[in-house]
Amino acid sequence: MAMNRDMMAKLAQMQERLVKAQSDLAEQKAEGSAGGGMVKVTVTGGMKIDSLHIDKEVIDPDDPEMLEDMLTAALNEVLAKVQSMQMSQLAGLAGSLGIGGVPGLQP
């Protein structure tokens, strides 16, 4: 029974750390941009768009593809950054729990 209590305590501790890691991630932000900063997107570590900026100069009704391309580039950049933040957070969590060596996670 003592082992079960220890395991339950460790599971509860892991859950607390996971909730804190998710909370910490939700407060972090990353930015992606395109067109020399004419299009900027900021996304939280919780994968919510925090802000979107589009310069008036890139809004051309005769060339919507240009704006689409810039938005796509900015979104891809910021999503890669957020994914990196998430992997880093998970690697730190895995390391603190003594379960390092998980494929794809680097401490």
PDB file of N, CA and C in Angstrom:
ATOM      1  N   MET A   1       0.815  -1.195   0.000  1.00  0.00           N
ATOM      2  CA  MET A   1       0.000   0.000   0.000  1.00  0.00           C
ATOM      3  C   MET A   1       0.857   1.256   0.000  1.00  0.00           C
ATOM      4  N   ALA A   2       2.010   1.206   0.728  1.00  0.00           N
ATOM      5  CA  ALA A   2       2.879   2.375   0.791  1.00  0.00           C
ATOM      6  C   ALA A   2       3.371   2.754  -0.592  1.00  0.00           C
ATOM      7  N   MET A   3       3.648   1.744  -1.419  1.00  0.00           N
ATOM      8  CA  MET A   3       4.116   2.023  -2.770  1.00  0.00           C
ATOM      9  C   MET A   3       3.029   2.713  -3.576  1.00  0.00           C
ATOM     10  N   ASN A   4       1.796   2.305  -3.406  1.00  0.00           N
ATOM     11  CA  ASN A   4       0.702   2.944  -4.116  1.00  0.00           C
ATOM     12  C   ASN A   4       0.560   4.413  -3.707  1.00  0.00           C
ATOM     13  N   ARG A   5       0.766   4.683  -2.408  1.00  0.00           N
ATOM     14  CA  ARG A   5       0.701   6.078  -1.957  1.00  0.00           C
ATOM     15  C   ARG A   5       1.826   6.893  -2.579  1.00  0.00           C
ATOM     16  N   ASP A   6       3.020   6.293  -2.634  1.00  0.00           N
ATOM     17  CA  ASP A   6       4.143   6.988  -3.265  1.00  0.00           C
ATOM     18  C   ASP A   6       3.858   7.262  -4.738  1.00  0.00           C
ATOM     19  N   MET A   7       3.320   6.251  -5.393  1.00  0.00           N
ATOM     20  CA  MET A   7       3.007   6.434  -6.817  1.00  0.00           C
ATOM     21  C   MET A   7       1.941   7.503  -7.013  1.00  0.00           C
ATOM     22  N   MET A   8       0.937   7.482  -6.137  1.00  0.00           N
ATOM     23  CA  MET A   8      -0.132   8.488  -6.238  1.00  0.00           C
ATOM     24  C   MET A   8       0.423   9.886  -5.978  1.00  0.00           C
ATOM     25  N   ALA A   9       1.338   9.994  -5.016  1.00  0.00           N
ATOM     26  CA  ALA A   9       1.943  11.292  -4.714  1.00  0.00           C
ATOM     27  C   ALA A   9       2.770  11.780  -5.916  1.00  0.00           C
ATOM     28  N   LYS A  10       3.516  10.858  -6.534  1.00  0.00           N
ATOM     29  CA  LYS A  10       4.309  11.240  -7.702  1.00  0.00           C
ATOM     30  C   LYS A  10       3.413  11.636  -8.871  1.00  0.00           C
ATOM     31  N   LEU A  11       2.334  10.920  -9.065  1.00  0.00           N
ATOM     32  CA  LEU A  11       1.402  11.277 -10.143  1.00  0.00           C
ATOM     33  C   LEU A  11       0.780  12.651  -9.900  1.00  0.00           C
ATOM     34  N   ALA A  12       0.421  12.912  -8.649  1.00  0.00           N
ATOM     35  CA  ALA A  12      -0.144  14.224  -8.320  1.00  0.00           C
ATOM     36  C   ALA A  12       0.880  15.321  -8.559  1.00  0.00           C
ATOM     37  N   GLN A  13       2.144  15.035  -8.207  1.00  0.00           N
ATOM     38  CA  GLN A  13       3.222  16.001  -8.415  1.00  0.00           C
ATOM     39  C   GLN A  13       3.439  16.236  -9.921  1.00  0.00           C
ATOM     40  N   MET A  14       3.396  15.168 -10.694  1.00  0.00           N
ATOM     41  CA  MET A  14       3.548  15.301 -12.147  1.00  0.00           C
ATOM     42  C   MET A  14       2.416  16.142 -12.733  1.00  0.00           C
ATOM     43  N   GLN A  15       1.207  15.906 -12.242  1.00  0.00           N
ATOM     44  CA  GLN A  15       0.059  16.646 -12.751  1.00  0.00           C
ATOM     45  C   GLN A  15       0.190  18.131 -12.413  1.00  0.00           C
ATOM     46  N   GLU A  16       0.649  18.438 -11.199  1.00  0.00           N
ATOM     47  CA  GLU A  16       0.845  19.838 -10.809  1.00  0.00           C
ATOM     48  C   GLU A  16       1.880  20.508 -11.711  1.00  0.00           C
ATOM     49  N   ARG A  17       2.967  19.802 -11.979  1.00  0.00           N
ATOM     50  CA  ARG A  17       4.014  20.372 -12.840  1.00  0.00           C
ATOM     51  C   ARG A  17       3.515  20.577 -14.263  1.00  0.00           C
ATOM     52  N   LEU A  18       2.706  19.634 -14.730  1.00  0.00           N
ATOM     53  CA  LEU A  18       2.161  19.761 -16.084  1.00  0.00           C
ATOM     54  C   LEU A  18       1.226  20.963 -16.182  1.00  0.00           C
ATOM     55  N   VAL A  19       0.380  21.149 -15.180  1.00  0.00           N
ATOM     56  CA  VAL A  19      -0.537  22.298 -15.173  1.00  0.00           C
ATOM     57  C   VAL A  19       0.255  23.600 -15.129  1.00  0.00           C
ATOM     58  N   LYS A  20       1.317  23.630 -14.312  1.00  0.00           N
ATOM     59  CA  LYS A  20       2.144  24.840 -14.232  1.00  0.00           C
ATOM     60  C   LYS A  20       2.850  25.084 -15.558  1.00  0.00           C
ATOM     61  N   ALA A  21       3.359  24.032 -16.180  1.00  0.00           N
ATOM     62  CA  ALA A  21       4.034  24.184 -17.478  1.00  0.00           C
ATOM     63  C   ALA A  21       3.072  24.725 -18.522  1.00  0.00           C
ATOM     64  N   GLN A  22       1.833  24.229 -18.535  1.00  0.00           N
ATOM     65  CA  GLN A  22       0.830  24.723 -19.480  1.00  0.00           C
ATOM     66  C   GLN A  22       0.495  26.181 -19.197  1.00  0.00           C
ATOM     67  N   SER A  23       0.403  26.531 -17.935  1.00  0.00           N
ATOM     68  CA  SER A  23       0.116  27.908 -17.554  1.00  0.00           C
ATOM     69  C   SER A  23       1.257  28.840 -17.966  1.00  0.00           C
ATOM     70  N   ASP A  24       2.485  28.388 -17.721  1.00  0.00           N
ATOM     71  CA  ASP A  24       3.655  29.191 -18.117  1.00  0.00           C
ATOM     72  C   ASP A  24       3.686  29.383 -19.631  1.00  0.00           C
ATOM     73  N   LEU A  25       3.392  28.328 -20.356  1.00  0.00           N
ATOM     74  CA  LEU A  25       3.384  28.420 -21.829  1.00  0.00           C
ATOM     75  C   LEU A  25       2.323  29.402 -22.316  1.00  0.00           C
ATOM     76  N   ALA A  26       1.159  29.368 -21.705  1.00  0.00           N
ATOM     77  CA  ALA A  26       0.066  30.243 -22.141  1.00  0.00           C
ATOM     78  C   ALA A  26       0.433  31.716 -21.983  1.00  0.00           C
ATOM     79  N   GLU A  27       1.355  32.018 -21.065  1.00  0.00           N
ATOM     80  CA  GLU A  27       1.760  33.411 -20.845  1.00  0.00           C
ATOM     81  C   GLU A  27       2.872  33.858 -21.786  1.00  0.00           C
ATOM     82  N   GLN A  28       3.555  32.910 -22.405  1.00  0.00           N
ATOM     83  CA  GLN A  28       4.637  33.256 -23.328  1.00  0.00           C
ATOM     84  C   GLN A  28       4.063  33.603 -24.695  1.00  0.00           C
ATOM     85  N   LYS A  29       4.801  34.447 -25.411  1.00  0.00           N
ATOM     86  CA  LYS A  29       4.361  34.851 -26.747  1.00  0.00           C
ATOM     87  C   LYS A  29       5.524  34.757 -27.718  1.00  0.00           C
ATOM     88  N   ALA A  30       5.163  34.516 -28.986  1.00  0.00           N
ATOM     89  CA  ALA A  30       6.158  34.504 -30.055  1.00  0.00           C
ATOM     90  C   ALA A  30       5.585  35.321 -31.206  1.00  0.00           C
ATOM     91  N   GLU A  31       6.497  35.889 -32.001  1.00  0.00           N
ATOM     92  CA  GLU A  31       6.046  36.711 -33.127  1.00  0.00           C
ATOM     93  C   GLU A  31       6.647  36.189 -34.421  1.00  0.00           C
ATOM     94  N   GLY A  32       5.831  36.197 -35.443  1.00  0.00           N
ATOM     95  CA  GLY A  32       6.290  35.884 -36.794  1.00  0.00           C
ATOM     96  C   GLY A  32       5.978  37.079 -37.675  1.00  0.00           C
ATOM     97  N   SER A  33       6.810  37.292 -38.670  1.00  0.00           N
ATOM     98  CA  SER A  33       6.564  38.441 -39.550  1.00  0.00           C
ATOM     99  C   SER A  33       6.971  38.095 -40.974  1.00  0.00           C
ATOM    100  N   ALA A  34       6.490  38.925 -41.882  1.00  0.00           N
ATOM    101  CA  ALA A  34       6.833  38.776 -43.297  1.00  0.00           C
ATOM    102  C   ALA A  34       6.798  40.163 -43.931  1.00  0.00           C
ATOM    103  N   GLY A  35       7.425  40.263 -45.088  1.00  0.00           N
ATOM    104  CA  GLY A  35       7.435  41.534 -45.804  1.00  0.00           C
ATOM    105  C   GLY A  35       8.171  42.621 -45.047  1.00  0.00           C
ATOM    106  N   GLY A  36       9.249  42.244 -44.391  1.00  0.00           N
ATOM    107  CA  GLY A  36      10.021  43.233 -43.637  1.00  0.00           C
ATOM    108  C   GLY A  36       9.251  43.803 -42.454  1.00  0.00           C
ATOM    109  N   GLY A  37       8.344  43.009 -41.886  1.00  0.00           N
ATOM    110  CA  GLY A  37       7.584  43.442 -40.726  1.00  0.00           C
ATOM    111  C   GLY A  37       6.253  44.100 -41.086  1.00  0.00           C
ATOM    112  N   MET A  38       5.917  44.086 -42.375  1.00  0.00           N
ATOM    113  CA  MET A  38       4.644  44.695 -42.774  1.00  0.00           C
ATOM    114  C   MET A  38       3.449  43.838 -42.341  1.00  0.00           C
ATOM    115  N   VAL A  39       3.711  42.554 -42.144  1.00  0.00           N
ATOM    116  CA  VAL A  39       2.703  41.646 -41.595  1.00  0.00           C
ATOM    117  C   VAL A  39       3.331  40.988 -40.378  1.00  0.00           C
ATOM    118  N   LYS A  40       2.651  41.112 -39.239  1.00  0.00           N
ATOM    119  CA  LYS A  40       3.155  40.524 -37.989  1.00  0.00           C
ATOM    120  C   LYS A  40       2.021  39.773 -37.301  1.00  0.00           C
ATOM    121  N   VAL A  41       2.373  38.617 -36.754  1.00  0.00           N
ATOM    122  CA  VAL A  41       1.410  37.805 -36.010  1.00  0.00           C
ATOM    123  C   VAL A  41       2.066  37.411 -34.693  1.00  0.00           C
ATOM    124  N   THR A  42       1.341  37.612 -33.604  1.00  0.00           N
ATOM    125  CA  THR A  42       1.823  37.191 -32.283  1.00  0.00           C
ATOM    126  C   THR A  42       0.888  36.108 -31.765  1.00  0.00           C
ATOM    127  N   VAL A  43       1.489  34.995 -31.335  1.00  0.00           N
ATOM    128  CA  VAL A  43       0.723  33.841 -30.859  1.00  0.00           C
ATOM    129  C   VAL A  43       1.249  33.466 -29.478  1.00  0.00           C
ATOM    130  N   THR A  44       0.347  33.077 -28.593  1.00  0.00           N
ATOM    131  CA  THR A  44       0.762  32.639 -27.256  1.00  0.00           C
ATOM    132  C   THR A  44       1.228  31.182 -27.309  1.00  0.00           C
ATOM    133  N   GLY A  45       1.926  30.779 -26.275  1.00  0.00           N
ATOM    134  CA  GLY A  45       2.351  29.386 -26.169  1.00  0.00           C
ATOM    135  C   GLY A  45       1.180  28.432 -26.060  1.00  0.00           C
ATOM    136  N   GLY A  46       0.017  28.959 -25.752  1.00  0.00           N
ATOM    137  CA  GLY A  46      -1.208  28.168 -25.704  1.00  0.00           C
ATOM    138  C   GLY A  46      -1.920  28.116 -27.034  1.00  0.00           C
ATOM    139  N   MET A  47      -1.216  28.570 -28.099  1.00  0.00           N
ATOM    140  CA  MET A  47      -1.711  28.535 -29.480  1.00  0.00           C
ATOM    141  C   MET A  47      -2.930  29.438 -29.722  1.00  0.00           C
ATOM    142  N   LYS A  48      -2.949  30.589 -29.055  1.00  0.00           N
ATOM    143  CA  LYS A  48      -4.005  31.570 -29.330  1.00  0.00           C
ATOM    144  C   LYS A  48      -3.364  32.776 -29.994  1.00  0.00           C
ATOM    145  N   ILE A  49      -4.020  33.294 -31.024  1.00  0.00           N
ATOM    146  CA  ILE A  49      -3.501  34.487 -31.679  1.00  0.00           C
ATOM    147  C   ILE A  49      -3.712  35.665 -30.746  1.00  0.00           C
ATOM    148  N   ASP A  50      -2.623  36.335 -30.408  1.00  0.00           N
ATOM    149  CA  ASP A  50      -2.660  37.466 -29.494  1.00  0.00           C
ATOM    150  C   ASP A  50      -2.873  38.763 -30.263  1.00  0.00           C
ATOM    151  N   SER A  51      -2.196  38.896 -31.410  1.00  0.00           N
ATOM    152  CA  SER A  51      -2.383  40.091 -32.221  1.00  0.00           C
ATOM    153  C   SER A  51      -1.996  39.808 -33.665  1.00  0.00           C
ATOM    154  N   LEU A  52      -2.534  40.636 -34.540  1.00  0.00           N
ATOM    155  CA  LEU A  52      -2.264  40.545 -35.973  1.00  0.00           C
ATOM    156  C   LEU A  52      -2.159  41.972 -36.492  1.00  0.00           C
ATOM    157  N   HIS A  53      -1.054  42.244 -37.194  1.00  0.00           N
ATOM    158  CA  HIS A  53      -0.860  43.577 -37.753  1.00  0.00           C
ATOM    159  C   HIS A  53      -0.598  43.453 -39.248  1.00  0.00           C
ATOM    160  N   ILE A  54      -1.328  44.245 -40.022  1.00  0.00           N
ATOM    161  CA  ILE A  54      -1.115  44.298 -41.467  1.00  0.00           C
ATOM    162  C   ILE A  54      -0.966  45.764 -41.853  1.00  0.00           C
ATOM    163  N   ASP A  55       0.185  46.107 -42.411  1.00  0.00           N
ATOM    164  CA  ASP A  55       0.423  47.470 -42.887  1.00  0.00           C
ATOM    165  C   ASP A  55      -0.537  47.802 -44.042  1.00  0.00           C
ATOM    166  N   LYS A  56      -1.016  49.040 -44.059  1.00  0.00           N
ATOM    167  CA  LYS A  56      -1.933  49.450 -45.124  1.00  0.00           C
ATOM    168  C   LYS A  56      -1.318  49.276 -46.506  1.00  0.00           C
ATOM    169  N   GLU A  57      -0.003  49.435 -46.560  1.00  0.00           N
ATOM    170  CA  GLU A  57       0.682  49.377 -47.854  1.00  0.00           C
ATOM    171  C   GLU A  57       0.584  48.020 -48.548  1.00  0.00           C
ATOM    172  N   VAL A  58       0.368  46.955 -47.781  1.00  0.00           N
ATOM    173  CA  VAL A  58       0.312  45.629 -48.401  1.00  0.00           C
ATOM    174  C   VAL A  58      -1.107  45.183 -48.721  1.00  0.00           C
ATOM    175  N   ILE A  59      -2.082  46.056 -48.452  1.00  0.00           N
ATOM    176  CA  ILE A  59      -3.466  45.716 -48.780  1.00  0.00           C
ATOM    177  C   ILE A  59      -3.752  46.249 -50.192  1.00  0.00           C
ATOM    178  N   ASP A  60      -3.719  45.330 -51.126  1.00  0.00           N
ATOM    179  CA  ASP A  60      -3.947  45.679 -52.527  1.00  0.00           C
ATOM    180  C   ASP A  60      -5.080  44.791 -53.052  1.00  0.00           C
ATOM    181  N   PRO A  61      -6.257  45.376 -53.281  1.00  0.00           N
ATOM    182  CA  PRO A  61      -7.392  44.567 -53.735  1.00  0.00           C
ATOM    183  C   PRO A  61      -7.123  43.853 -55.069  1.00  0.00           C
ATOM    184  N   ASP A  62      -6.164  44.367 -55.827  1.00  0.00           N
ATOM    185  CA  ASP A  62      -5.854  43.730 -57.103  1.00  0.00           C
ATOM    186  C   ASP A  62      -4.825  42.599 -56.956  1.00  0.00           C
ATOM    187  N   ASP A  63      -4.260  42.457 -55.775  1.00  0.00           N
ATOM    188  CA  ASP A  63      -3.241  41.418 -55.564  1.00  0.00           C
ATOM    189  C   ASP A  63      -3.409  40.766 -54.186  1.00  0.00           C
ATOM    190  N   PRO A  64      -4.529  40.104 -53.962  1.00  0.00           N
ATOM    191  CA  PRO A  64      -4.747  39.479 -52.645  1.00  0.00           C
ATOM    192  C   PRO A  64      -3.762  38.340 -52.373  1.00  0.00           C
ATOM    193  N   GLU A  65      -3.218  37.753 -53.435  1.00  0.00           N
ATOM    194  CA  GLU A  65      -2.274  36.638 -53.246  1.00  0.00           C
ATOM    195  C   GLU A  65      -1.021  37.086 -52.489  1.00  0.00           C
ATOM    196  N   MET A  66      -0.594  38.329 -52.700  1.00  0.00           N
ATOM    197  CA  MET A  66       0.593  38.817 -52.002  1.00  0.00           C
ATOM    198  C   MET A  66       0.345  38.832 -50.487  1.00  0.00           C
ATOM    199  N   LEU A  67      -0.805  39.343 -50.086  1.00  0.00           N
ATOM    200  CA  LEU A  67      -1.136  39.379 -48.661  1.00  0.00           C
ATOM    201  C   LEU A  67      -1.307  37.964 -48.114  1.00  0.00           C
ATOM    202  N   GLU A  68      -1.920  37.101 -48.898  1.00  0.00           N
ATOM    203  CA  GLU A  68      -2.076  35.703 -48.479  1.00  0.00           C
ATOM    204  C   GLU A  68      -0.709  35.057 -48.255  1.00  0.00           C
ATOM    205  N   ASP A  69       0.212  35.308 -49.165  1.00  0.00           N
ATOM    206  CA  ASP A  69       1.562  34.740 -49.033  1.00  0.00           C
ATOM    207  C   ASP A  69       2.270  35.271 -47.785  1.00  0.00           C
ATOM    208  N   MET A  70       2.124  36.570 -47.522  1.00  0.00           N
ATOM    209  CA  MET A  70       2.768  37.150 -46.343  1.00  0.00           C
ATOM    210  C   MET A  70       2.167  36.603 -45.059  1.00  0.00           C
ATOM    211  N   LEU A  71       0.853  36.484 -45.027  1.00  0.00           N
ATOM    212  CA  LEU A  71       0.200  35.921 -43.838  1.00  0.00           C
ATOM    213  C   LEU A  71       0.626  34.472 -43.618  1.00  0.00           C
ATOM    214  N   THR A  72       0.703  33.728 -44.697  1.00  0.00           N
ATOM    215  CA  THR A  72       1.121  32.330 -44.591  1.00  0.00           C
ATOM    216  C   THR A  72       2.544  32.244 -44.046  1.00  0.00           C
ATOM    217  N   ALA A  73       3.431  33.072 -44.574  1.00  0.00           N
ATOM    218  CA  ALA A  73       4.827  33.060 -44.116  1.00  0.00           C
ATOM    219  C   ALA A  73       4.924  33.466 -42.643  1.00  0.00           C
ATOM    220  N   ALA A  74       4.213  34.520 -42.253  1.00  0.00           N
ATOM    221  CA  ALA A  74       4.261  34.984 -40.865  1.00  0.00           C
ATOM    222  C   ALA A  74       3.683  33.933 -39.913  1.00  0.00           C
ATOM    223  N   LEU A  75       2.581  33.320 -40.326  1.00  0.00           N
ATOM    224  CA  LEU A  75       1.969  32.284 -39.483  1.00  0.00           C
ATOM    225  C   LEU A  75       2.871  31.058 -39.358  1.00  0.00           C
ATOM    226  N   ASN A  76       3.472  30.640 -40.471  1.00  0.00           N
ATOM    227  CA  ASN A  76       4.374  29.485 -40.394  1.00  0.00           C
ATOM    228  C   ASN A  76       5.562  29.775 -39.491  1.00  0.00           C
ATOM    229  N   GLU A  77       6.093  30.986 -39.568  1.00  0.00           N
ATOM    230  CA  GLU A  77       7.236  31.353 -38.721  1.00  0.00           C
ATOM    231  C   GLU A  77       6.849  31.329 -37.245  1.00  0.00           C
ATOM    232  N   VAL A  78       5.730  31.962 -36.916  1.00  0.00           N
ATOM    233  CA  VAL A  78       5.355  32.028 -35.498  1.00  0.00           C
ATOM    234  C   VAL A  78       4.945  30.658 -34.962  1.00  0.00           C
ATOM    235  N   LEU A  79       4.305  29.845 -35.766  1.00  0.00           N
ATOM    236  CA  LEU A  79       3.912  28.515 -35.296  1.00  0.00           C
ATOM    237  C   LEU A  79       5.136  27.643 -35.031  1.00  0.00           C
ATOM    238  N   ALA A  80       6.166  27.786 -35.856  1.00  0.00           N
ATOM    239  CA  ALA A  80       7.413  27.051 -35.616  1.00  0.00           C
ATOM    240  C   ALA A  80       8.051  27.505 -34.300  1.00  0.00           C
ATOM    241  N   LYS A  81       8.007  28.804 -34.025  1.00  0.00           N
ATOM    242  CA  LYS A  81       8.561  29.317 -32.777  1.00  0.00           C
ATOM    243  C   LYS A  81       7.777  28.800 -31.571  1.00  0.00           C
ATOM    244  N   VAL A  82       6.459  28.792 -31.679  1.00  0.00           N
ATOM    245  CA  VAL A  82       5.627  28.302 -30.561  1.00  0.00           C
ATOM    246  C   VAL A  82       5.873  26.810 -30.343  1.00  0.00           C
ATOM    247  N   GLN A  83       5.991  26.074 -31.435  1.00  0.00           N
ATOM    248  CA  GLN A  83       6.264  24.641 -31.298  1.00  0.00           C
ATOM    249  C   GLN A  83       7.600  24.422 -30.590  1.00  0.00           C
ATOM    250  N   SER A  84       8.578  25.235 -30.924  1.00  0.00           N
ATOM    251  CA  SER A  84       9.883  25.131 -30.268  1.00  0.00           C
ATOM    252  C   SER A  84       9.763  25.455 -28.770  1.00  0.00           C
ATOM    253  N   MET A  85       8.981  26.486 -28.448  1.00  0.00           N
ATOM    254  CA  MET A  85       8.761  26.829 -27.036  1.00  0.00           C
ATOM    255  C   MET A  85       8.102  25.660 -26.303  1.00  0.00           C
ATOM    256  N   GLN A  86       7.122  25.042 -26.929  1.00  0.00           N
ATOM    257  CA  GLN A  86       6.416  23.931 -26.298  1.00  0.00           C
ATOM    258  C   GLN A  86       7.355  22.743 -26.075  1.00  0.00           C
ATOM    259  N   MET A  87       8.167  22.433 -27.085  1.00  0.00           N
ATOM    260  CA  MET A  87       9.096  21.311 -26.959  1.00  0.00           C
ATOM    261  C   MET A  87      10.117  21.574 -25.852  1.00  0.00           C
ATOM    262  N   SER A  88      10.581  22.816 -25.774  1.00  0.00           N
ATOM    263  CA  SER A  88      11.537  23.179 -24.737  1.00  0.00           C
ATOM    264  C   SER A  88      10.907  23.024 -23.354  1.00  0.00           C
ATOM    265  N   GLN A  89       9.674  23.471 -23.219  1.00  0.00           N
ATOM    266  CA  GLN A  89       8.957  23.367 -21.936  1.00  0.00           C
ATOM    267  C   GLN A  89       8.758  21.900 -21.559  1.00  0.00           C
ATOM    268  N   LEU A  90       8.376  21.086 -22.529  1.00  0.00           N
ATOM    269  CA  LEU A  90       8.165  19.661 -22.256  1.00  0.00           C
ATOM    270  C   LEU A  90       9.471  18.962 -21.909  1.00  0.00           C
ATOM    271  N   ALA A  91      10.547  19.346 -22.589  1.00  0.00           N
ATOM    272  CA  ALA A  91      11.849  18.739 -22.298  1.00  0.00           C
ATOM    273  C   ALA A  91      12.269  19.061 -20.871  1.00  0.00           C
ATOM    274  N   GLY A  92      12.050  20.307 -20.455  1.00  0.00           N
ATOM    275  CA  GLY A  92      12.374  20.693 -19.088  1.00  0.00           C
ATOM    276  C   GLY A  92      11.531  19.921 -18.081  1.00  0.00           C
ATOM    277  N   LEU A  93      10.266  19.743 -18.404  1.00  0.00           N
ATOM    278  CA  LEU A  93       9.359  18.996 -17.524  1.00  0.00           C
ATOM    279  C   LEU A  93       9.786  17.529 -17.454  1.00  0.00           C
ATOM    280  N   ALA A  94      10.094  16.954 -18.606  1.00  0.00           N
ATOM    281  CA  ALA A  94      10.518  15.546 -18.631  1.00  0.00           C
ATOM    282  C   ALA A  94      11.813  15.373 -17.846  1.00  0.00           C
ATOM    283  N   GLY A  95      12.725  16.332 -17.994  1.00  0.00           N
ATOM    284  CA  GLY A  95      13.987  16.248 -17.262  1.00  0.00           C
ATOM    285  C   GLY A  95      13.778  16.337 -15.765  1.00  0.00           C
ATOM    286  N   SER A  96      12.875  17.226 -15.337  1.00  0.00           N
ATOM    287  CA  SER A  96      12.639  17.377 -13.893  1.00  0.00           C
ATOM    288  C   SER A  96      11.954  16.149 -13.303  1.00  0.00           C
ATOM    289  N   LEU A  97      11.277  15.400 -14.151  1.00  0.00           N
ATOM    290  CA  LEU A  97      10.607  14.190 -13.668  1.00  0.00           C
ATOM    291  C   LEU A  97      11.490  12.955 -13.811  1.00  0.00           C
ATOM    292  N   GLY A  98      12.681  13.168 -14.359  1.00  0.00           N
ATOM    293  CA  GLY A  98      13.611  12.052 -14.503  1.00  0.00           C
ATOM    294  C   GLY A  98      13.249  11.110 -15.622  1.00  0.00           C
ATOM    295  N   ILE A  99      12.521  11.615 -16.628  1.00  0.00           N
ATOM    296  CA  ILE A  99      12.159  10.774 -17.769  1.00  0.00           C
ATOM    297  C   ILE A  99      12.745  11.360 -19.037  1.00  0.00           C
ATOM    298  N   GLY A 100      14.002  11.780 -18.946  1.00  0.00           N
ATOM    299  CA  GLY A 100      14.676  12.323 -20.115  1.00  0.00           C
ATOM    300  C   GLY A 100      14.845  11.256 -21.172  1.00  0.00           C
ATOM    301  N   GLY A 101      15.327  11.685 -22.311  1.00  0.00           N
ATOM    302  CA  GLY A 101      15.569  10.746 -23.396  1.00  0.00           C
ATOM    303  C   GLY A 101      14.344  10.451 -24.220  1.00  0.00           C
ATOM    304  N   VAL A 102      13.277  11.266 -24.052  1.00  0.00           N
ATOM    305  CA  VAL A 102      12.090  11.071 -24.857  1.00  0.00           C
ATOM    306  C   VAL A 102      12.395  11.563 -26.270  1.00  0.00           C
ATOM    307  N   PRO A 103      12.166  10.723 -27.291  1.00  0.00           N
ATOM    308  CA  PRO A 103      12.474  11.143 -28.657  1.00  0.00           C
ATOM    309  C   PRO A 103      11.777  12.456 -29.023  1.00  0.00           C
ATOM    310  N   GLY A 104      12.523  13.346 -29.628  1.00  0.00           N
ATOM    311  CA  GLY A 104      11.978  14.628 -30.043  1.00  0.00           C
ATOM    312  C   GLY A 104      12.116  15.715 -29.000  1.00  0.00           C
ATOM    313  N   LEU A 105      12.437  15.349 -27.765  1.00  0.00           N
ATOM    314  CA  LEU A 105      12.605  16.326 -26.690  1.00  0.00           C
ATOM    315  C   LEU A 105      14.070  16.401 -26.331  1.00  0.00           C
ATOM    316  N   GLN A 106      14.608  17.604 -26.356  1.00  0.00           N
ATOM    317  CA  GLN A 106      15.986  17.789 -25.956  1.00  0.00           C
ATOM    318  C   GLN A 106      16.004  18.625 -24.684  1.00  0.00           C
ATOM    319  N   PRO A 107      16.706  18.185 -23.672  1.00  0.00           N
ATOM    320  CA  PRO A 107      16.738  18.916 -22.409  1.00  0.00           C
ATOM    321  C   PRO A 107      17.379  20.273 -22.545  1.00  0.00           C
TER     322      PRO A 107
END
